[in-house]
Amino acid sequence: MRGILQEAAQTAKRSPLFAGTYDQLAHRRGRSIATVAIARRLLARSFHILKQLEAAPPEKAITGRARVFA
């Protein structure tokens, strides 16, 4: 699991959503620690998405997509 998160973080740290955070952390703490921090943030977001799917009614959760709240 750790390896998969590290690979995902390598890509995510270049996206606009995480790039600023990564740059700040890399400057203060170093690139390796910043990559691990991005991996943890990805894991937390994944957890919350799965939690929302679990809370969805069974007929809506069959598609495997997170519910979008407007």
PDB file of N, CA and C in Angstrom:
ATOM      1  N   MET A   1       0.831  -1.182   0.000  1.00  0.00           N
ATOM      2  CA  MET A   1       0.000   0.000   0.000  1.00  0.00           C
ATOM      3  C   MET A   1       0.878   1.249   0.000  1.00  0.00           C
ATOM      4  N   ARG A   2       1.949   1.198   0.784  1.00  0.00           N
ATOM      5  CA  ARG A   2       2.817   2.366   0.879  1.00  0.00           C
ATOM      6  C   ARG A   2       3.432   2.716  -0.469  1.00  0.00           C
ATOM      7  N   GLY A   3       3.860   1.702  -1.195  1.00  0.00           N
ATOM      8  CA  GLY A   3       4.468   1.934  -2.502  1.00  0.00           C
ATOM      9  C   GLY A   3       3.501   2.565  -3.489  1.00  0.00           C
ATOM     10  N   ILE A   4       2.272   2.108  -3.454  1.00  0.00           N
ATOM     11  CA  ILE A   4       1.251   2.651  -4.352  1.00  0.00           C
ATOM     12  C   ILE A   4       0.979   4.117  -4.009  1.00  0.00           C
ATOM     13  N   LEU A   5       0.893   4.415  -2.715  1.00  0.00           N
ATOM     14  CA  LEU A   5       0.670   5.801  -2.302  1.00  0.00           C
ATOM     15  C   LEU A   5       1.848   6.697  -2.684  1.00  0.00           C
ATOM     16  N   GLN A   6       3.061   6.172  -2.565  1.00  0.00           N
ATOM     17  CA  GLN A   6       4.233   6.951  -2.946  1.00  0.00           C
ATOM     18  C   GLN A   6       4.217   7.271  -4.443  1.00  0.00           C
ATOM     19  N   GLU A   7       3.858   6.290  -5.262  1.00  0.00           N
ATOM     20  CA  GLU A   7       3.773   6.528  -6.702  1.00  0.00           C
ATOM     21  C   GLU A   7       2.689   7.544  -7.031  1.00  0.00           C
ATOM     22  N   ALA A   8       1.553   7.429  -6.353  1.00  0.00           N
ATOM     23  CA  ALA A   8       0.468   8.386  -6.572  1.00  0.00           C
ATOM     24  C   ALA A   8       0.896   9.787  -6.137  1.00  0.00           C
ATOM     25  N   ALA A   9       1.645   9.882  -5.058  1.00  0.00           N
ATOM     26  CA  ALA A   9       2.105  11.181  -4.570  1.00  0.00           C
ATOM     27  C   ALA A   9       3.105  11.806  -5.538  1.00  0.00           C
ATOM     28  N   GLN A  10       3.911  10.986  -6.202  1.00  0.00           N
ATOM     29  CA  GLN A  10       4.864  11.506  -7.176  1.00  0.00           C
ATOM     30  C   GLN A  10       4.135  12.251  -8.287  1.00  0.00           C
ATOM     31  N   THR A  11       2.999  11.729  -8.694  1.00  0.00           N
ATOM     32  CA  THR A  11       2.204  12.377  -9.733  1.00  0.00           C
ATOM     33  C   THR A  11       1.398  13.537  -9.157  1.00  0.00           C
ATOM     34  N   ALA A  12       0.806  13.328  -7.984  1.00  0.00           N
ATOM     35  CA  ALA A  12      -0.072  14.344  -7.392  1.00  0.00           C
ATOM     36  C   ALA A  12       0.674  15.618  -7.033  1.00  0.00           C
ATOM     37  N   LYS A  13       1.933  15.505  -6.676  1.00  0.00           N
ATOM     38  CA  LYS A  13       2.660  16.711  -6.259  1.00  0.00           C
ATOM     39  C   LYS A  13       2.900  17.679  -7.412  1.00  0.00           C
ATOM     40  N   ARG A  14       2.677  17.240  -8.635  1.00  0.00           N
ATOM     41  CA  ARG A  14       2.795  18.130  -9.790  1.00  0.00           C
ATOM     42  C   ARG A  14       1.454  18.734 -10.194  1.00  0.00           C
ATOM     43  N   SER A  15       0.369  18.226  -9.635  1.00  0.00           N
ATOM     44  CA  SER A  15      -0.945  18.768  -9.977  1.00  0.00           C
ATOM     45  C   SER A  15      -1.168  20.078  -9.237  1.00  0.00           C
ATOM     46  N   PRO A  16      -1.974  20.970  -9.807  1.00  0.00           N
ATOM     47  CA  PRO A  16      -2.203  22.271  -9.165  1.00  0.00           C
ATOM     48  C   PRO A  16      -2.822  22.158  -7.769  1.00  0.00           C
ATOM     49  N   LEU A  17      -3.536  21.078  -7.513  1.00  0.00           N
ATOM     50  CA  LEU A  17      -4.199  20.897  -6.225  1.00  0.00           C
ATOM     51  C   LEU A  17      -3.201  20.718  -5.083  1.00  0.00           C
ATOM     52  N   PHE A  18      -2.070  20.060  -5.347  1.00  0.00           N
ATOM     53  CA  PHE A  18      -1.095  19.757  -4.304  1.00  0.00           C
ATOM     54  C   PHE A  18       0.252  20.448  -4.501  1.00  0.00           C
ATOM     55  N   ALA A  19       0.469  21.092  -5.633  1.00  0.00           N
ATOM     56  CA  ALA A  19       1.792  21.638  -5.957  1.00  0.00           C
ATOM     57  C   ALA A  19       2.252  22.693  -4.952  1.00  0.00           C
ATOM     58  N   GLY A  20       1.388  23.604  -4.573  1.00  0.00           N
ATOM     59  CA  GLY A  20       1.763  24.647  -3.625  1.00  0.00           C
ATOM     60  C   GLY A  20       2.140  24.083  -2.272  1.00  0.00           C
ATOM     61  N   THR A  21       1.338  23.147  -1.792  1.00  0.00           N
ATOM     62  CA  THR A  21       1.617  22.508  -0.507  1.00  0.00           C
ATOM     63  C   THR A  21       2.937  21.755  -0.564  1.00  0.00           C
ATOM     64  N   TYR A  22       3.141  21.019  -1.652  1.00  0.00           N
ATOM     65  CA  TYR A  22       4.384  20.269  -1.798  1.00  0.00           C
ATOM     66  C   TYR A  22       5.587  21.198  -1.799  1.00  0.00           C
ATOM     67  N   ASP A  23       5.517  22.284  -2.548  1.00  0.00           N
ATOM     68  CA  ASP A  23       6.643  23.213  -2.626  1.00  0.00           C
ATOM     69  C   ASP A  23       6.986  23.803  -1.254  1.00  0.00           C
ATOM     70  N   GLN A  24       5.965  24.182  -0.497  1.00  0.00           N
ATOM     71  CA  GLN A  24       6.206  24.731   0.835  1.00  0.00           C
ATOM     72  C   GLN A  24       6.859  23.710   1.760  1.00  0.00           C
ATOM     73  N   LEU A  25       6.307  22.494   1.743  1.00  0.00           N
ATOM     74  CA  LEU A  25       6.858  21.449   2.602  1.00  0.00           C
ATOM     75  C   LEU A  25       8.268  21.051   2.177  1.00  0.00           C
ATOM     76  N   ALA A  26       8.491  20.959   0.872  1.00  0.00           N
ATOM     77  CA  ALA A  26       9.815  20.573   0.375  1.00  0.00           C
ATOM     78  C   ALA A  26      10.860  21.611   0.763  1.00  0.00           C
ATOM     79  N   HIS A  27      10.466  22.859   0.738  1.00  0.00           N
ATOM     80  CA  HIS A  27      11.397  23.923   1.122  1.00  0.00           C
ATOM     81  C   HIS A  27      11.753  23.845   2.613  1.00  0.00           C
ATOM     82  N   ARG A  28      10.743  23.595   3.446  1.00  0.00           N
ATOM     83  CA  ARG A  28      10.969  23.565   4.896  1.00  0.00           C
ATOM     84  C   ARG A  28      11.561  22.257   5.385  1.00  0.00           C
ATOM     85  N   ARG A  29      11.008  21.117   4.898  1.00  0.00           N
ATOM     86  CA  ARG A  29      11.329  19.825   5.495  1.00  0.00           C
ATOM     87  C   ARG A  29      12.153  18.904   4.607  1.00  0.00           C
ATOM     88  N   GLY A  30      12.170  19.164   3.308  1.00  0.00           N
ATOM     89  CA  GLY A  30      12.877  18.280   2.384  1.00  0.00           C
ATOM     90  C   GLY A  30      11.908  17.573   1.464  1.00  0.00           C
ATOM     91  N   ARG A  31      12.416  17.142   0.327  1.00  0.00           N
ATOM     92  CA  ARG A  31      11.540  16.553  -0.693  1.00  0.00           C
ATOM     93  C   ARG A  31      10.940  15.219  -0.281  1.00  0.00           C
ATOM     94  N   SER A  32      11.715  14.380   0.381  1.00  0.00           N
ATOM     95  CA  SER A  32      11.202  13.058   0.778  1.00  0.00           C
ATOM     96  C   SER A  32      10.050  13.175   1.762  1.00  0.00           C
ATOM     97  N   ILE A  33      10.215  14.020   2.752  1.00  0.00           N
ATOM     98  CA  ILE A  33       9.167  14.202   3.754  1.00  0.00           C
ATOM     99  C   ILE A  33       7.934  14.845   3.126  1.00  0.00           C
ATOM    100  N   ALA A  34       8.150  15.765   2.201  1.00  0.00           N
ATOM    101  CA  ALA A  34       7.024  16.403   1.521  1.00  0.00           C
ATOM    102  C   ALA A  34       6.242  15.395   0.686  1.00  0.00           C
ATOM    103  N   THR A  35       6.944  14.469   0.036  1.00  0.00           N
ATOM    104  CA  THR A  35       6.263  13.444  -0.763  1.00  0.00           C
ATOM    105  C   THR A  35       5.423  12.546   0.137  1.00  0.00           C
ATOM    106  N   VAL A  36       5.949  12.172   1.280  1.00  0.00           N
ATOM    107  CA  VAL A  36       5.191  11.349   2.236  1.00  0.00           C
ATOM    108  C   VAL A  36       3.969  12.108   2.742  1.00  0.00           C
ATOM    109  N   ALA A  37       4.116  13.405   2.970  1.00  0.00           N
ATOM    110  CA  ALA A  37       2.982  14.214   3.429  1.00  0.00           C
ATOM    111  C   ALA A  37       1.882  14.261   2.371  1.00  0.00           C
ATOM    112  N   ILE A  38       2.256  14.376   1.108  1.00  0.00           N
ATOM    113  CA  ILE A  38       1.261  14.370   0.027  1.00  0.00           C
ATOM    114  C   ILE A  38       0.587  13.006  -0.047  1.00  0.00           C
ATOM    115  N   ALA A  39       1.351  11.938   0.140  1.00  0.00           N
ATOM    116  CA  ALA A  39       0.769  10.587   0.136  1.00  0.00           C
ATOM    117  C   ALA A  39      -0.258  10.445   1.253  1.00  0.00           C
ATOM    118  N   ARG A  40       0.039  10.986   2.423  1.00  0.00           N
ATOM    119  CA  ARG A  40      -0.915  10.927   3.535  1.00  0.00           C
ATOM    120  C   ARG A  40      -2.182  11.715   3.222  1.00  0.00           C
ATOM    121  N   ARG A  41      -2.025  12.851   2.568  1.00  0.00           N
ATOM    122  CA  ARG A  41      -3.205  13.638   2.203  1.00  0.00           C
ATOM    123  C   ARG A  41      -4.060  12.893   1.188  1.00  0.00           C
ATOM    124  N   LEU A  42      -3.419  12.209   0.251  1.00  0.00           N
ATOM    125  CA  LEU A  42      -4.169  11.401  -0.711  1.00  0.00           C
ATOM    126  C   LEU A  42      -4.919  10.280   0.001  1.00  0.00           C
ATOM    127  N   LEU A  43      -4.270   9.650   0.962  1.00  0.00           N
ATOM    128  CA  LEU A  43      -4.912   8.584   1.719  1.00  0.00           C
ATOM    129  C   LEU A  43      -6.115   9.112   2.497  1.00  0.00           C
ATOM    130  N   ALA A  44      -5.976  10.278   3.104  1.00  0.00           N
ATOM    131  CA  ALA A  44      -7.085  10.861   3.854  1.00  0.00           C
ATOM    132  C   ALA A  44      -8.259  11.187   2.939  1.00  0.00           C
ATOM    133  N   ARG A  45      -7.965  11.743   1.764  1.00  0.00           N
ATOM    134  CA  ARG A  45      -9.045  12.046   0.814  1.00  0.00           C
ATOM    135  C   ARG A  45      -9.733  10.771   0.343  1.00  0.00           C
ATOM    136  N   SER A  46      -8.954   9.734   0.091  1.00  0.00           N
ATOM    137  CA  SER A  46      -9.526   8.454  -0.331  1.00  0.00           C
ATOM    138  C   SER A  46     -10.438   7.891   0.750  1.00  0.00           C
ATOM    139  N   PHE A  47     -10.002   7.988   1.996  1.00  0.00           N
ATOM    140  CA  PHE A  47     -10.801   7.505   3.113  1.00  0.00           C
ATOM    141  C   PHE A  47     -12.148   8.211   3.173  1.00  0.00           C
ATOM    142  N   HIS A  48     -12.134   9.528   3.026  1.00  0.00           N
ATOM    143  CA  HIS A  48     -13.377  10.286   3.119  1.00  0.00           C
ATOM    144  C   HIS A  48     -14.303   9.987   1.939  1.00  0.00           C
ATOM    145  N   ILE A  49     -13.746   9.775   0.762  1.00  0.00           N
ATOM    146  CA  ILE A  49     -14.573   9.407  -0.394  1.00  0.00           C
ATOM    147  C   ILE A  49     -15.221   8.045  -0.155  1.00  0.00           C
ATOM    148  N   LEU A  50     -14.449   7.087   0.349  1.00  0.00           N
ATOM    149  CA  LEU A  50     -15.005   5.767   0.626  1.00  0.00           C
ATOM    150  C   LEU A  50     -16.043   5.821   1.739  1.00  0.00           C
ATOM    151  N   LYS A  51     -15.841   6.680   2.718  1.00  0.00           N
ATOM    152  CA  LYS A  51     -16.823   6.847   3.778  1.00  0.00           C
ATOM    153  C   LYS A  51     -18.148   7.359   3.235  1.00  0.00           C
ATOM    154  N   GLN A  52     -18.075   8.309   2.277  1.00  0.00           N
ATOM    155  CA  GLN A  52     -19.290   8.836   1.665  1.00  0.00           C
ATOM    156  C   GLN A  52     -19.996   7.750   0.856  1.00  0.00           C
ATOM    157  N   LEU A  53     -19.239   6.909   0.166  1.00  0.00           N
ATOM    158  CA  LEU A  53     -19.846   5.820  -0.589  1.00  0.00           C
ATOM    159  C   LEU A  53     -20.536   4.834   0.339  1.00  0.00           C
ATOM    160  N   GLU A  54     -19.932   4.572   1.472  1.00  0.00           N
ATOM    161  CA  GLU A  54     -20.498   3.645   2.441  1.00  0.00           C
ATOM    162  C   GLU A  54     -21.798   4.185   3.015  1.00  0.00           C
ATOM    163  N   ALA A  55     -21.875   5.489   3.188  1.00  0.00           N
ATOM    164  CA  ALA A  55     -23.063   6.109   3.762  1.00  0.00           C
ATOM    165  C   ALA A  55     -24.187   6.269   2.745  1.00  0.00           C
ATOM    166  N   ALA A  56     -23.876   6.109   1.468  1.00  0.00           N
ATOM    167  CA  ALA A  56     -24.886   6.269   0.421  1.00  0.00           C
ATOM    168  C   ALA A  56     -25.865   5.097   0.449  1.00  0.00           C
ATOM    169  N   PRO A  57     -27.101   5.324   0.046  1.00  0.00           N
ATOM    170  CA  PRO A  57     -28.058   4.220  -0.061  1.00  0.00           C
ATOM    171  C   PRO A  57     -27.535   3.159  -1.026  1.00  0.00           C
ATOM    172  N   PRO A  58     -27.841   1.887  -0.806  1.00  0.00           N
ATOM    173  CA  PRO A  58     -27.279   0.809  -1.634  1.00  0.00           C
ATOM    174  C   PRO A  58     -27.500   0.977  -3.137  1.00  0.00           C
ATOM    175  N   GLU A  59     -28.653   1.463  -3.568  1.00  0.00           N
ATOM    176  CA  GLU A  59     -28.890   1.594  -5.005  1.00  0.00           C
ATOM    177  C   GLU A  59     -27.992   2.659  -5.646  1.00  0.00           C
ATOM    178  N   LYS A  60     -27.563   3.652  -4.881  1.00  0.00           N
ATOM    179  CA  LYS A  60     -26.691   4.695  -5.421  1.00  0.00           C
ATOM    180  C   LYS A  60     -25.221   4.268  -5.373  1.00  0.00           C
ATOM    181  N   ALA A  61     -24.853   3.403  -4.447  1.00  0.00           N
ATOM    182  CA  ALA A  61     -23.455   3.019  -4.266  1.00  0.00           C
ATOM    183  C   ALA A  61     -23.003   1.970  -5.273  1.00  0.00           C
ATOM    184  N   ILE A  62     -23.915   1.395  -6.040  1.00  0.00           N
ATOM    185  CA  ILE A  62     -23.564   0.331  -6.984  1.00  0.00           C
ATOM    186  C   ILE A  62     -22.642   0.851  -8.083  1.00  0.00           C
ATOM    187  N   THR A  63     -22.768   2.106  -8.466  1.00  0.00           N
ATOM    188  CA  THR A  63     -21.958   2.637  -9.562  1.00  0.00           C
ATOM    189  C   THR A  63     -20.487   2.765  -9.179  1.00  0.00           C
ATOM    190  N   GLY A  64     -20.164   2.824  -7.895  1.00  0.00           N
ATOM    191  CA  GLY A  64     -18.786   2.953  -7.476  1.00  0.00           C
ATOM    192  C   GLY A  64     -18.264   4.375  -7.532  1.00  0.00           C
ATOM    193  N   ARG A  65     -19.137   5.339  -7.736  1.00  0.00           N
ATOM    194  CA  ARG A  65     -18.724   6.737  -7.795  1.00  0.00           C
ATOM    195  C   ARG A  65     -19.156   7.461  -6.531  1.00  0.00           C
ATOM    196  N   ALA A  66     -18.357   8.421  -6.137  1.00  0.00           N
ATOM    197  CA  ALA A  66     -18.680   9.214  -4.960  1.00  0.00           C
ATOM    198  C   ALA A  66     -19.865  10.124  -5.256  1.00  0.00           C
ATOM    199  N   ARG A  67     -20.670  10.340  -4.252  1.00  0.00           N
ATOM    200  CA  ARG A  67     -21.808  11.232  -4.412  1.00  0.00           C
ATOM    201  C   ARG A  67     -21.306  12.658  -4.408  1.00  0.00           C
ATOM    202  N   VAL A  68     -21.879  13.468  -5.262  1.00  0.00           N
ATOM    203  CA  VAL A  68     -21.518  14.875  -5.340  1.00  0.00           C
ATOM    204  C   VAL A  68     -22.623  15.664  -4.676  1.00  0.00           C
ATOM    205  N   PHE A  69     -22.250  16.442  -3.672  1.00  0.00           N
ATOM    206  CA  PHE A  69     -23.220  17.252  -2.970  1.00  0.00           C
ATOM    207  C   PHE A  69     -23.164  18.678  -3.488  1.00  0.00           C
ATOM    208  N   ALA A  70     -24.299  19.190  -3.907  1.00  0.00           N
ATOM    209  CA  ALA A  70     -24.337  20.544  -4.472  1.00  0.00           C
ATOM    210  C   ALA A  70     -24.623  21.562  -3.408  1.00  0.00           C
TER     211      ALA A  70
END
